[in-house]
PDB file of N, CA and C in Angstrom:
ATOM      1  N   MET A   1     182.054 105.662  78.818  1.00  0.00           N
ATOM      2  CA  MET A   1     181.010 106.653  77.510  1.00  0.00           C
ATOM      3  C   MET A   1     179.067 107.121  78.499  1.00  0.00           C
ATOM      4  N   ARG A   2     179.604 107.568  78.890  1.00  0.00           N
ATOM      5  CA  ARG A   2     177.699 107.889  79.790  1.00  0.00           C
ATOM      6  C   ARG A   2     175.774 107.283  78.907  1.00  0.00           C
ATOM      7  N   PRO A   3     175.228 106.848  78.886  1.00  0.00           N
ATOM      8  CA  PRO A   3     174.195 106.608  78.820  1.00  0.00           C
ATOM      9  C   PRO A   3     173.970 108.465  78.474  1.00  0.00           C
ATOM     10  N   PHE A   4     172.863 108.016  76.917  1.00  0.00           N
ATOM     11  CA  PHE A   4     173.176 109.751  75.499  1.00  0.00           C
ATOM     12  C   PHE A   4     171.613 110.051  76.478  1.00  0.00           C
ATOM     13  N   PRO A   5     171.607 111.036  77.349  1.00  0.00           N
ATOM     14  CA  PRO A   5     170.090 111.935  77.258  1.00  0.00           C
ATOM     15  C   PRO A   5     169.063 112.086  76.693  1.00  0.00           C
ATOM     16  N   LEU A   6     168.989 110.327  76.356  1.00  0.00           N
ATOM     17  CA  LEU A   6     168.226 111.477  74.654  1.00  0.00           C
ATOM     18  C   LEU A   6     166.545 113.043  74.790  1.00  0.00           C
ATOM     19  N   LYS A   7     166.452 112.912  76.284  1.00  0.00           N
ATOM     20  CA  LYS A   7     165.499 113.526  76.419  1.00  0.00           C
ATOM     21  C   LYS A   7     165.815 115.252  76.692  1.00  0.00           C
ATOM     22  N   GLN A   8     167.332 115.505  77.061  1.00  0.00           N
ATOM     23  CA  GLN A   8     167.519 116.222  77.166  1.00  0.00           C
ATOM     24  C   GLN A   8     167.582 117.370  76.079  1.00  0.00           C
ATOM     25  N   LEU A   9     168.704 117.016  74.744  1.00  0.00           N
ATOM     26  CA  LEU A   9     168.503 117.244  73.534  1.00  0.00           C
ATOM     27  C   LEU A   9     167.574 117.157  73.203  1.00  0.00           C
ATOM     28  N   ARG A  10     165.941 116.009  73.997  1.00  0.00           N
ATOM     29  CA  ARG A  10     164.570 116.114  72.973  1.00  0.00           C
ATOM     30  C   ARG A  10     163.696 117.862  72.772  1.00  0.00           C
ATOM     31  N   LEU A  11     164.065 118.584  74.294  1.00  0.00           N
ATOM     32  CA  LEU A  11     164.231 118.923  75.044  1.00  0.00           C
ATOM     33  C   LEU A  11     164.104 120.820  73.826  1.00  0.00           C
ATOM     34  N   ALA A  12     165.654 120.799  73.598  1.00  0.00           N
ATOM     35  CA  ALA A  12     165.911 121.826  73.363  1.00  0.00           C
ATOM     36  C   ALA A  12     166.194 121.710  71.965  1.00  0.00           C
ATOM     37  N   TRP A  13     165.666 120.840  71.664  1.00  0.00           N
ATOM     38  CA  TRP A  13     165.718 120.000  69.610  1.00  0.00           C
ATOM     39  C   TRP A  13     163.214 121.337  70.039  1.00  0.00           C
ATOM     40  N   HIS A  14     162.757 120.468  70.136  1.00  0.00           N
ATOM     41  CA  HIS A  14     161.194 120.728  70.766  1.00  0.00           C
ATOM     42  C   HIS A  14     160.839 122.060  71.050  1.00  0.00           C
ATOM     43  N   ASP A  15     162.483 123.148  72.173  1.00  0.00           N
ATOM     44  CA  ASP A  15     162.057 124.036  71.978  1.00  0.00           C
ATOM     45  C   ASP A  15     162.372 125.117  70.185  1.00  0.00           C
ATOM     46  N   ALA A  16     162.856 124.688  69.641  1.00  0.00           N
ATOM     47  CA  ALA A  16     163.606 125.075  68.703  1.00  0.00           C
ATOM     48  C   ALA A  16     163.077 125.566  67.709  1.00  0.00           C
ATOM     49  N   GLY A  17     162.702 123.271  67.977  1.00  0.00           N
ATOM     50  CA  GLY A  17     162.546 123.482  66.666  1.00  0.00           C
ATOM     51  C   GLY A  17     161.076 124.411  65.619  1.00  0.00           C
ATOM     52  N   THR A  18     159.899 125.348  66.264  1.00  0.00           N
ATOM     53  CA  THR A  18     159.023 125.761  65.364  1.00  0.00           C
ATOM     54  C   THR A  18     159.655 127.274  65.238  1.00  0.00           C
ATOM     55  N   TYR A  19     160.665 127.982  65.061  1.00  0.00           N
ATOM     56  CA  TYR A  19     161.023 128.707  64.559  1.00  0.00           C
ATOM     57  C   TYR A  19     160.203 128.335  63.399  1.00  0.00           C
ATOM     58  N   ASN A  20     160.433 130.228  62.660  1.00  0.00           N
ATOM     59  CA  ASN A  20     159.552 129.955  60.729  1.00  0.00           C
ATOM     60  C   ASN A  20     160.833 131.321  61.168  1.00  0.00           C
ATOM     61  N   LYS A  21     161.256 131.144  60.391  1.00  0.00           N
ATOM     62  CA  LYS A  21     161.797 132.454  59.515  1.00  0.00           C
ATOM     63  C   LYS A  21     161.098 133.663  58.489  1.00  0.00           C
ATOM     64  N   ASN A  22     160.159 133.332  58.434  1.00  0.00           N
ATOM     65  CA  ASN A  22     159.051 134.721  57.631  1.00  0.00           C
ATOM     66  C   ASN A  22     157.832 135.526  58.225  1.00  0.00           C
ATOM     67  N   ILE A  23     158.240 134.673  59.653  1.00  0.00           N
ATOM     68  CA  ILE A  23     157.619 135.684  60.952  1.00  0.00           C
ATOM     69  C   ILE A  23     159.393 137.055  61.623  1.00  0.00           C
ATOM     70  N   LYS A  24     158.786 137.444  61.238  1.00  0.00           N
ATOM     71  CA  LYS A  24     159.948 138.642  61.631  1.00  0.00           C
ATOM     72  C   LYS A  24     159.661 139.431  63.414  1.00  0.00           C
ATOM     73  N   GLU A  25     158.543 138.920  63.593  1.00  0.00           N
ATOM     74  CA  GLU A  25     158.384 139.682  65.570  1.00  0.00           C
ATOM     75  C   GLU A  25     158.634 138.264  65.798  1.00  0.00           C
ATOM     76  N   TRP A  26     159.558 138.833  67.434  1.00  0.00           N
ATOM     77  CA  TRP A  26     159.781 137.564  68.678  1.00  0.00           C
ATOM     78  C   TRP A  26     158.789 138.274  69.426  1.00  0.00           C
ATOM     79  N   PRO A  27     158.177 137.522  69.762  1.00  0.00           N
ATOM     80  CA  PRO A  27     158.443 135.794  69.371  1.00  0.00           C
ATOM     81  C   PRO A  27     157.717 134.961  68.935  1.00  0.00           C
ATOM     82  N   LEU A  28     156.465 135.999  67.977  1.00  0.00           N
ATOM     83  CA  LEU A  28     155.681 134.340  67.057  1.00  0.00           C
ATOM     84  C   LEU A  28     156.298 134.670  66.537  1.00  0.00           C
ATOM     85  N   ARG A  29     157.773 133.787  65.685  1.00  0.00           N
ATOM     86  CA  ARG A  29     158.093 133.715  65.386  1.00  0.00           C
ATOM     87  C   ARG A  29     158.690 132.199  65.423  1.00  0.00           C
ATOM     88  N   GLY A  30     158.541 132.160  67.440  1.00  0.00           N
ATOM     89  CA  GLY A  30     159.484 130.849  67.786  1.00  0.00           C
ATOM     90  C   GLY A  30     160.211 130.431  67.308  1.00  0.00           C
ATOM     91  N   GLY A  31     161.214 129.335  67.504  1.00  0.00           N
ATOM     92  CA  GLY A  31     162.499 129.186  68.324  1.00  0.00           C
ATOM     93  C   GLY A  31     163.075 128.550  69.186  1.00  0.00           C
ATOM     94  N   ALA A  32     164.069 129.082  69.357  1.00  0.00           N
ATOM     95  CA  ALA A  32     164.500 129.071  70.856  1.00  0.00           C
ATOM     96  C   ALA A  32     164.431 130.493  72.263  1.00  0.00           C
ATOM     97  N   ASN A  33     162.520 129.743  72.727  1.00  0.00           N
ATOM     98  CA  ASN A  33     162.917 130.859  73.996  1.00  0.00           C
ATOM     99  C   ASN A  33     162.515 130.559  74.840  1.00  0.00           C
ATOM    100  N   GLY A  34     162.437 129.627  75.376  1.00  0.00           N
ATOM    101  CA  GLY A  34     161.853 128.832  76.750  1.00  0.00           C
ATOM    102  C   GLY A  34     160.196 128.462  76.808  1.00  0.00           C
ATOM    103  N   SER A  35     159.497 128.948  75.406  1.00  0.00           N
ATOM    104  CA  SER A  35     158.494 128.346  75.953  1.00  0.00           C
ATOM    105  C   SER A  35     157.757 126.861  75.630  1.00  0.00           C
ATOM    106  N   LEU A  36     158.628 126.882  75.514  1.00  0.00           N
ATOM    107  CA  LEU A  36     158.178 124.474  75.914  1.00  0.00           C
ATOM    108  C   LEU A  36     158.044 124.250  77.033  1.00  0.00           C
ATOM    109  N   ARG A  37     158.593 125.567  78.427  1.00  0.00           N
ATOM    110  CA  ARG A  37     158.436 125.025  79.841  1.00  0.00           C
ATOM    111  C   ARG A  37     156.229 124.866  80.190  1.00  0.00           C
ATOM    112  N   PHE A  38     155.903 125.437  79.704  1.00  0.00           N
ATOM    113  CA  PHE A  38     154.370 125.732  79.580  1.00  0.00           C
ATOM    114  C   PHE A  38     153.298 124.802  79.561  1.00  0.00           C
ATOM    115  N   GLU A  39     152.422 124.486  80.492  1.00  0.00           N
ATOM    116  CA  GLU A  39     151.923 123.526  79.495  1.00  0.00           C
ATOM    117  C   GLU A  39     151.385 123.053  78.422  1.00  0.00           C
ATOM    118  N   ILE A  40     150.656 123.589  78.717  1.00  0.00           N
ATOM    119  CA  ILE A  40     150.252 124.138  76.997  1.00  0.00           C
ATOM    120  C   ILE A  40     150.588 123.393  75.685  1.00  0.00           C
ATOM    121  N   GLU A  41     152.239 124.114  75.769  1.00  0.00           N
ATOM    122  CA  GLU A  41     152.580 123.278  74.415  1.00  0.00           C
ATOM    123  C   GLU A  41     153.663 122.207  74.840  1.00  0.00           C
ATOM    124  N   ILE A  42     154.313 121.945  75.826  1.00  0.00           N
ATOM    125  CA  ILE A  42     153.919 120.299  76.501  1.00  0.00           C
ATOM    126  C   ILE A  42     153.290 119.534  75.735  1.00  0.00           C
ATOM    127  N   LYS A  43     151.343 120.432  75.601  1.00  0.00           N
ATOM    128  CA  LYS A  43     150.890 118.757  75.020  1.00  0.00           C
ATOM    129  C   LYS A  43     150.697 118.828  73.644  1.00  0.00           C
ATOM    130  N   HIS A  44     151.321 119.950  72.537  1.00  0.00           N
ATOM    131  CA  HIS A  44     151.006 120.210  71.381  1.00  0.00           C
ATOM    132  C   HIS A  44     151.295 118.691  71.485  1.00  0.00           C
ATOM    133  N   ALA A  45     150.663 117.643  70.308  1.00  0.00           N
ATOM    134  CA  ALA A  45     150.148 116.628  69.476  1.00  0.00           C
ATOM    135  C   ALA A  45     152.324 116.232  70.009  1.00  0.00           C
ATOM    136  N   ALA A  46     153.313 116.924  69.066  1.00  0.00           N
ATOM    137  CA  ALA A  46     154.208 116.684  68.131  1.00  0.00           C
ATOM    138  C   ALA A  46     154.907 116.452  69.493  1.00  0.00           C
ATOM    139  N   ASN A  47     154.812 117.287  70.532  1.00  0.00           N
ATOM    140  CA  ASN A  47     155.694 116.536  71.774  1.00  0.00           C
ATOM    141  C   ASN A  47     154.957 115.866  72.546  1.00  0.00           C
ATOM    142  N   ALA A  48     154.126 115.116  72.103  1.00  0.00           N
ATOM    143  CA  ALA A  48     153.404 114.423  72.927  1.00  0.00           C
ATOM    144  C   ALA A  48     153.989 113.283  72.469  1.00  0.00           C
ATOM    145  N   THR A  49     154.045 112.735  71.072  1.00  0.00           N
ATOM    146  CA  THR A  49     154.825 111.491  70.771  1.00  0.00           C
ATOM    147  C   THR A  49     156.341 111.469  71.795  1.00  0.00           C
ATOM    148  N   LEU A  50     157.077 111.994  71.952  1.00  0.00           N
ATOM    149  CA  LEU A  50     157.619 111.430  72.608  1.00  0.00           C
ATOM    150  C   LEU A  50     157.479 110.549  74.041  1.00  0.00           C
ATOM    151  N   SER A  51     156.472 110.382  73.628  1.00  0.00           N
ATOM    152  CA  SER A  51     156.544 108.989  75.607  1.00  0.00           C
ATOM    153  C   SER A  51     154.973 108.479  75.209  1.00  0.00           C
ATOM    154  N   SER A  52     154.545 107.821  74.189  1.00  0.00           N
ATOM    155  CA  SER A  52     153.260 108.332  73.777  1.00  0.00           C
ATOM    156  C   SER A  52     152.613 106.943  74.278  1.00  0.00           C
ATOM    157  N   GLN A  53     152.751 105.689  75.660  1.00  0.00           N
ATOM    158  CA  GLN A  53     152.696 105.570  76.486  1.00  0.00           C
ATOM    159  C   GLN A  53     153.196 105.658  78.383  1.00  0.00           C
ATOM    160  N   SER A  54     153.113 106.991  77.794  1.00  0.00           N
ATOM    161  CA  SER A  54     153.907 107.806  79.614  1.00  0.00           C
ATOM    162  C   SER A  54     153.088 109.168  79.236  1.00  0.00           C
ATOM    163  N   GLY A  55     152.206 109.516  78.729  1.00  0.00           N
ATOM    164  CA  GLY A  55     152.028 110.807  77.805  1.00  0.00           C
ATOM    165  C   GLY A  55     152.807 111.698  77.800  1.00  0.00           C
ATOM    166  N   PHE A  56     153.200 112.878  78.742  1.00  0.00           N
ATOM    167  CA  PHE A  56     153.900 113.873  78.400  1.00  0.00           C
ATOM    168  C   PHE A  56     155.167 113.896  79.579  1.00  0.00           C
ATOM    169  N   SER A  57     155.828 111.948  79.932  1.00  0.00           N
ATOM    170  CA  SER A  57     156.187 112.113  80.798  1.00  0.00           C
ATOM    171  C   SER A  57     157.500 112.812  80.643  1.00  0.00           C
ATOM    172  N   GLY A  58     157.973 112.357  79.334  1.00  0.00           N
ATOM    173  CA  GLY A  58     159.054 112.218  78.665  1.00  0.00           C
ATOM    174  C   GLY A  58     160.386 114.106  78.831  1.00  0.00           C
ATOM    175  N   LEU A  59     159.377 114.739  77.968  1.00  0.00           N
ATOM    176  CA  LEU A  59     159.818 116.114  78.315  1.00  0.00           C
ATOM    177  C   LEU A  59     159.079 116.549  79.612  1.00  0.00           C
ATOM    178  N   VAL A  60     158.774 116.887  80.198  1.00  0.00           N
ATOM    179  CA  VAL A  60     157.310 116.990  81.468  1.00  0.00           C
ATOM    180  C   VAL A  60     159.059 116.343  82.991  1.00  0.00           C
ATOM    181  N   ASN A  61     159.343 114.917  82.604  1.00  0.00           N
ATOM    182  CA  ASN A  61     160.584 114.561  83.191  1.00  0.00           C
ATOM    183  C   ASN A  61     162.050 115.867  82.500  1.00  0.00           C
ATOM    184  N   ALA A  62     162.191 115.648  81.459  1.00  0.00           N
ATOM    185  CA  ALA A  62     164.307 116.305  81.038  1.00  0.00           C
ATOM    186  C   ALA A  62     163.442 118.053  82.124  1.00  0.00           C
ATOM    187  N   LEU A  63     162.500 118.263  81.938  1.00  0.00           N
ATOM    188  CA  LEU A  63     162.017 119.755  82.729  1.00  0.00           C
ATOM    189  C   LEU A  63     161.876 120.317  83.773  1.00  0.00           C
ATOM    190  N   LYS A  64     161.268 118.937  84.151  1.00  0.00           N
ATOM    191  CA  LYS A  64     162.514 118.640  86.568  1.00  0.00           C
ATOM    192  C   LYS A  64     163.384 118.454  86.689  1.00  0.00           C
ATOM    193  N   LEU A  65     163.966 118.215  86.528  1.00  0.00           N
ATOM    194  CA  LEU A  65     165.573 118.015  86.046  1.00  0.00           C
ATOM    195  C   LEU A  65     166.438 118.863  86.668  1.00  0.00           C
ATOM    196  N   LEU A  66     165.869 120.181  84.646  1.00  0.00           N
ATOM    197  CA  LEU A  66     166.744 121.258  85.193  1.00  0.00           C
ATOM    198  C   LEU A  66     165.721 122.150  85.605  1.00  0.00           C
ATOM    199  N   GLN A  67     164.511 122.087  86.451  1.00  0.00           N
ATOM    200  CA  GLN A  67     163.970 122.970  87.528  1.00  0.00           C
ATOM    201  C   GLN A  67     165.086 123.032  88.646  1.00  0.00           C
ATOM    202  N   PRO A  68     165.373 122.362  89.279  1.00  0.00           N
ATOM    203  CA  PRO A  68     166.361 122.513  90.729  1.00  0.00           C
ATOM    204  C   PRO A  68     168.092 123.460  90.456  1.00  0.00           C
ATOM    205  N   ILE A  69     168.670 123.299  88.781  1.00  0.00           N
ATOM    206  CA  ILE A  69     169.324 123.809  88.498  1.00  0.00           C
ATOM    207  C   ILE A  69     168.970 125.823  88.130  1.00  0.00           C
ATOM    208  N   LYS A  70     167.120 125.697  87.855  1.00  0.00           N
ATOM    209  CA  LYS A  70     167.940 126.917  87.741  1.00  0.00           C
ATOM    210  C   LYS A  70     166.925 128.126  88.316  1.00  0.00           C
ATOM    211  N   ASP A  71     166.048 126.855  89.388  1.00  0.00           N
ATOM    212  CA  ASP A  71     165.903 127.612  91.365  1.00  0.00           C
ATOM    213  C   ASP A  71     167.376 128.001  91.637  1.00  0.00           C
ATOM    214  N   LYS A  72     168.310 127.174  91.281  1.00  0.00           N
ATOM    215  CA  LYS A  72     169.587 127.707  91.613  1.00  0.00           C
ATOM    216  C   LYS A  72     170.410 129.164  91.687  1.00  0.00           C
ATOM    217  N   TYR A  73     169.831 129.063  89.733  1.00  0.00           N
ATOM    218  CA  TYR A  73     170.815 129.993  88.630  1.00  0.00           C
ATOM    219  C   TYR A  73     169.994 131.262  88.458  1.00  0.00           C
ATOM    220  N   SER A  74     168.574 131.322  89.895  1.00  0.00           N
ATOM    221  CA  SER A  74     167.766 132.052  88.958  1.00  0.00           C
ATOM    222  C   SER A  74     168.123 132.639  87.368  1.00  0.00           C
ATOM    223  N   GLY A  75     169.187 133.705  87.372  1.00  0.00           N
ATOM    224  CA  GLY A  75     169.827 134.813  85.927  1.00  0.00           C
ATOM    225  C   GLY A  75     169.788 134.312  85.179  1.00  0.00           C
ATOM    226  N   VAL A  76     170.092 132.345  84.257  1.00  0.00           N
ATOM    227  CA  VAL A  76     170.082 132.416  83.359  1.00  0.00           C
ATOM    228  C   VAL A  76     168.291 132.442  83.246  1.00  0.00           C
ATOM    229  N   THR A  77     168.041 131.943  81.904  1.00  0.00           N
ATOM    230  CA  THR A  77     166.458 131.376  81.619  1.00  0.00           C
ATOM    231  C   THR A  77     166.417 130.518  80.797  1.00  0.00           C
ATOM    232  N   TYR A  78     165.223 130.053  80.421  1.00  0.00           N
ATOM    233  CA  TYR A  78     165.077 128.867  80.443  1.00  0.00           C
ATOM    234  C   TYR A  78     165.375 128.478  79.092  1.00  0.00           C
ATOM    235  N   VAL A  79     165.287 129.257  78.233  1.00  0.00           N
ATOM    236  CA  VAL A  79     166.559 129.251  76.793  1.00  0.00           C
ATOM    237  C   VAL A  79     167.532 128.372  77.070  1.00  0.00           C
ATOM    238  N   ASP A  80     169.016 129.421  77.748  1.00  0.00           N
ATOM    239  CA  ASP A  80     169.530 128.969  77.205  1.00  0.00           C
ATOM    240  C   ASP A  80     169.941 127.412  78.160  1.00  0.00           C
ATOM    241  N   LEU A  81     169.318 127.337  79.384  1.00  0.00           N
ATOM    242  CA  LEU A  81     169.209 126.398  80.288  1.00  0.00           C
ATOM    243  C   LEU A  81     168.938 124.729  79.651  1.00  0.00           C
ATOM    244  N   PHE A  82     167.909 125.470  78.227  1.00  0.00           N
ATOM    245  CA  PHE A  82     167.942 124.197  77.346  1.00  0.00           C
ATOM    246  C   PHE A  82     168.426 124.096  76.837  1.00  0.00           C
ATOM    247  N   GLN A  83     168.559 124.743  76.338  1.00  0.00           N
ATOM    248  CA  GLN A  83     170.491 124.481  75.011  1.00  0.00           C
ATOM    249  C   GLN A  83     171.742 123.935  75.897  1.00  0.00           C
ATOM    250  N   LEU A  84     172.598 124.444  76.423  1.00  0.00           N
ATOM    251  CA  LEU A  84     173.302 124.060  77.090  1.00  0.00           C
ATOM    252  C   LEU A  84     173.278 122.645  77.855  1.00  0.00           C
ATOM    253  N   ALA A  85     171.518 122.224  78.317  1.00  0.00           N
ATOM    254  CA  ALA A  85     171.555 120.564  78.757  1.00  0.00           C
ATOM    255  C   ALA A  85     171.512 119.650  77.570  1.00  0.00           C
ATOM    256  N   SER A  86     170.944 121.215  76.430  1.00  0.00           N
ATOM    257  CA  SER A  86     171.804 119.530  75.421  1.00  0.00           C
ATOM    258  C   SER A  86     172.913 119.298  74.639  1.00  0.00           C
ATOM    259  N   ALA A  87     173.362 120.373  74.688  1.00  0.00           N
ATOM    260  CA  ALA A  87     175.025 120.779  74.073  1.00  0.00           C
ATOM    261  C   ALA A  87     175.827 119.258  75.123  1.00  0.00           C
ATOM    262  N   THR A  88     175.137 120.014  76.301  1.00  0.00           N
ATOM    263  CA  THR A  88     176.587 118.780  77.456  1.00  0.00           C
ATOM    264  C   THR A  88     175.547 117.020  77.362  1.00  0.00           C
ATOM    265  N   ALA A  89     174.616 117.518  77.271  1.00  0.00           N
ATOM    266  CA  ALA A  89     173.730 115.275  75.841  1.00  0.00           C
ATOM    267  C   ALA A  89     174.540 115.461  75.833  1.00  0.00           C
ATOM    268  N   VAL A  90     174.960 115.600  74.381  1.00  0.00           N
ATOM    269  CA  VAL A  90     175.954 114.854  73.648  1.00  0.00           C
ATOM    270  C   VAL A  90     177.788 115.363  73.750  1.00  0.00           C
ATOM    271  N   GLU A  91     177.487 115.866  73.821  1.00  0.00           N
ATOM    272  CA  GLU A  91     179.668 115.908  74.752  1.00  0.00           C
ATOM    273  C   GLU A  91     178.804 114.755  75.642  1.00  0.00           C
ATOM    274  N   GLU A  92     178.519 114.418  76.777  1.00  0.00           N
ATOM    275  CA  GLU A  92     178.622 113.401  77.396  1.00  0.00           C
ATOM    276  C   GLU A  92     178.416 112.118  76.985  1.00  0.00           C
ATOM    277  N   ALA A  93     178.148 112.122  75.754  1.00  0.00           N
ATOM    278  CA  ALA A  93     177.931 111.046  74.720  1.00  0.00           C
ATOM    279  C   ALA A  93     178.549 110.539  74.298  1.00  0.00           C
ATOM    280  N   GLY A  94     179.877 111.521  74.342  1.00  0.00           N
ATOM    281  CA  GLY A  94     180.685 111.418  73.910  1.00  0.00           C
ATOM    282  C   GLY A  94     180.853 112.107  72.730  1.00  0.00           C
ATOM    283  N   GLY A  95     180.173 112.629  71.649  1.00  0.00           N
ATOM    284  CA  GLY A  95     179.771 113.174  70.620  1.00  0.00           C
ATOM    285  C   GLY A  95     180.759 114.759  70.964  1.00  0.00           C
ATOM    286  N   PRO A  96     181.273 116.362  69.854  1.00  0.00           N
ATOM    287  CA  PRO A  96     181.933 117.189  70.203  1.00  0.00           C
ATOM    288  C   PRO A  96     181.333 118.098  71.449  1.00  0.00           C
ATOM    289  N   LYS A  97     182.518 118.676  71.427  1.00  0.00           N
ATOM    290  CA  LYS A  97     182.364 119.620  72.540  1.00  0.00           C
ATOM    291  C   LYS A  97     181.117 120.840  72.076  1.00  0.00           C
ATOM    292  N   ILE A  98     179.898 120.978  72.394  1.00  0.00           N
ATOM    293  CA  ILE A  98     179.621 122.523  71.323  1.00  0.00           C
ATOM    294  C   ILE A  98     179.136 123.795  71.703  1.00  0.00           C
ATOM    295  N   PRO A  99     180.277 124.679  71.425  1.00  0.00           N
ATOM    296  CA  PRO A  99     179.859 126.238  72.552  1.00  0.00           C
ATOM    297  C   PRO A  99     179.186 126.841  71.966  1.00  0.00           C
ATOM    298  N   ILE A 100     178.421 127.477  73.136  1.00  0.00           N
ATOM    299  CA  ILE A 100     178.010 127.805  73.640  1.00  0.00           C
ATOM    300  C   ILE A 100     177.591 129.456  73.646  1.00  0.00           C
ATOM    301  N   LYS A 101     176.703 129.717  73.099  1.00  0.00           N
ATOM    302  CA  LYS A 101     176.660 131.139  73.910  1.00  0.00           C
ATOM    303  C   LYS A 101     175.371 131.810  74.386  1.00  0.00           C
ATOM    304  N   TYR A 102     175.535 132.670  75.470  1.00  0.00           N
ATOM    305  CA  TYR A 102     174.329 133.218  76.513  1.00  0.00           C
ATOM    306  C   TYR A 102     173.270 134.844  76.135  1.00  0.00           C
ATOM    307  N   GLY A 103     172.615 134.554  76.691  1.00  0.00           N
ATOM    308  CA  GLY A 103     171.668 135.892  75.948  1.00  0.00           C
ATOM    309  C   GLY A 103     170.467 135.792  75.405  1.00  0.00           C
ATOM    310  N   ARG A 104     170.086 133.869  75.634  1.00  0.00           N
ATOM    311  CA  ARG A 104     168.672 134.493  74.955  1.00  0.00           C
ATOM    312  C   ARG A 104     168.079 134.753  75.705  1.00  0.00           C
ATOM    313  N   VAL A 105     166.417 134.887  75.332  1.00  0.00           N
ATOM    314  CA  VAL A 105     165.142 136.040  76.206  1.00  0.00           C
ATOM    315  C   VAL A 105     164.205 134.999  76.011  1.00  0.00           C
ATOM    316  N   ASP A 106     163.939 134.765  77.984  1.00  0.00           N
ATOM    317  CA  ASP A 106     161.792 133.213  77.191  1.00  0.00           C
ATOM    318  C   ASP A 106     161.361 133.939  77.482  1.00  0.00           C
ATOM    319  N   VAL A 107     160.508 133.534  77.400  1.00  0.00           N
ATOM    320  CA  VAL A 107     158.961 134.109  76.316  1.00  0.00           C
ATOM    321  C   VAL A 107     158.273 134.627  77.955  1.00  0.00           C
ATOM    322  N   SER A 108     157.612 135.452  78.239  1.00  0.00           N
ATOM    323  CA  SER A 108     157.646 135.253  79.927  1.00  0.00           C
ATOM    324  C   SER A 108     156.482 134.454  80.012  1.00  0.00           C
ATOM    325  N   GLU A 109     154.601 134.173  78.904  1.00  0.00           N
ATOM    326  CA  GLU A 109     153.271 133.930  79.752  1.00  0.00           C
ATOM    327  C   GLU A 109     152.579 132.780  78.171  1.00  0.00           C
ATOM    328  N   PRO A 110     151.918 131.961  78.391  1.00  0.00           N
ATOM    329  CA  PRO A 110     151.648 130.919  78.895  1.00  0.00           C
ATOM    330  C   PRO A 110     151.189 131.175  76.658  1.00  0.00           C
ATOM    331  N   GLU A 111     150.022 132.969  77.487  1.00  0.00           N
ATOM    332  CA  GLU A 111     150.317 133.216  75.354  1.00  0.00           C
ATOM    333  C   GLU A 111     150.708 134.105  74.406  1.00  0.00           C
ATOM    334  N   GLN A 112     152.497 133.432  74.801  1.00  0.00           N
ATOM    335  CA  GLN A 112     153.955 133.618  73.616  1.00  0.00           C
ATOM    336  C   GLN A 112     154.453 132.420  73.234  1.00  0.00           C
ATOM    337  N   CYS A 113     153.460 131.178  73.601  1.00  0.00           N
ATOM    338  CA  CYS A 113     153.746 129.940  73.098  1.00  0.00           C
ATOM    339  C   CYS A 113     153.523 129.583  71.885  1.00  0.00           C
ATOM    340  N   PRO A 114     154.492 129.409  70.060  1.00  0.00           N
ATOM    341  CA  PRO A 114     154.177 129.091  69.738  1.00  0.00           C
ATOM    342  C   PRO A 114     153.239 128.441  69.415  1.00  0.00           C
ATOM    343  N   GLU A 115     151.789 128.709  67.795  1.00  0.00           N
ATOM    344  CA  GLU A 115     150.978 127.548  67.938  1.00  0.00           C
ATOM    345  C   GLU A 115     150.373 125.837  67.223  1.00  0.00           C
ATOM    346  N   GLU A 116     149.636 125.297  67.699  1.00  0.00           N
ATOM    347  CA  GLU A 116     150.158 123.819  67.672  1.00  0.00           C
ATOM    348  C   GLU A 116     149.865 122.951  66.428  1.00  0.00           C
ATOM    349  N   GLY A 117     151.097 122.528  65.652  1.00  0.00           N
ATOM    350  CA  GLY A 117     151.454 122.637  64.676  1.00  0.00           C
ATOM    351  C   GLY A 117     152.506 123.157  63.844  1.00  0.00           C
ATOM    352  N   ARG A 118     152.944 124.555  64.923  1.00  0.00           N
ATOM    353  CA  ARG A 118     154.346 124.505  64.176  1.00  0.00           C
ATOM    354  C   ARG A 118     156.017 123.779  64.117  1.00  0.00           C
ATOM    355  N   LEU A 119     156.190 123.075  65.410  1.00  0.00           N
ATOM    356  CA  LEU A 119     156.876 121.470  65.378  1.00  0.00           C
ATOM    357  C   LEU A 119     155.858 120.264  64.140  1.00  0.00           C
ATOM    358  N   PRO A 120     156.264 119.708  63.411  1.00  0.00           N
ATOM    359  CA  PRO A 120     155.902 118.492  62.325  1.00  0.00           C
ATOM    360  C   PRO A 120     155.976 117.213  63.169  1.00  0.00           C
ATOM    361  N   GLY A 121     154.785 116.545  63.485  1.00  0.00           N
ATOM    362  CA  GLY A 121     155.750 115.317  64.254  1.00  0.00           C
ATOM    363  C   GLY A 121     156.454 114.615  64.139  1.00  0.00           C
ATOM    364  N   MET A 122     156.794 113.214  64.426  1.00  0.00           N
ATOM    365  CA  MET A 122     157.703 112.793  64.299  1.00  0.00           C
ATOM    366  C   MET A 122     157.441 111.212  62.702  1.00  0.00           C
ATOM    367  N   PHE A 123     155.991 111.702  62.505  1.00  0.00           N
ATOM    368  CA  PHE A 123     155.857 110.755  60.991  1.00  0.00           C
ATOM    369  C   PHE A 123     154.657 111.703  60.013  1.00  0.00           C
TER     370      PHE A 123
END
């Protein structure tokens, strides 16, 4: 069994975990939409707790790891890439193969990121 790439799993969770079922409009309702790639959301307090000793490097490093794949396959959305990386991480750690459906849409600008506080912190 290979080491579990926790950062990839957290990247997908933190991107998806902002979903609010009470908001009907996309992208205002949040959820898995690729918004975590924008600096404004990376700096949210709940995302900063992932690597308190090294600033925001945990999620930033996860994003940097995926960027060459995104560059090579520009037709793949960030959100699909985040979710695929997470499912692959689970499988590589010895967990089940998670079926993936593709076709999610990325938000296109930082102003579409969910507001601070939507994702609860660790404690």
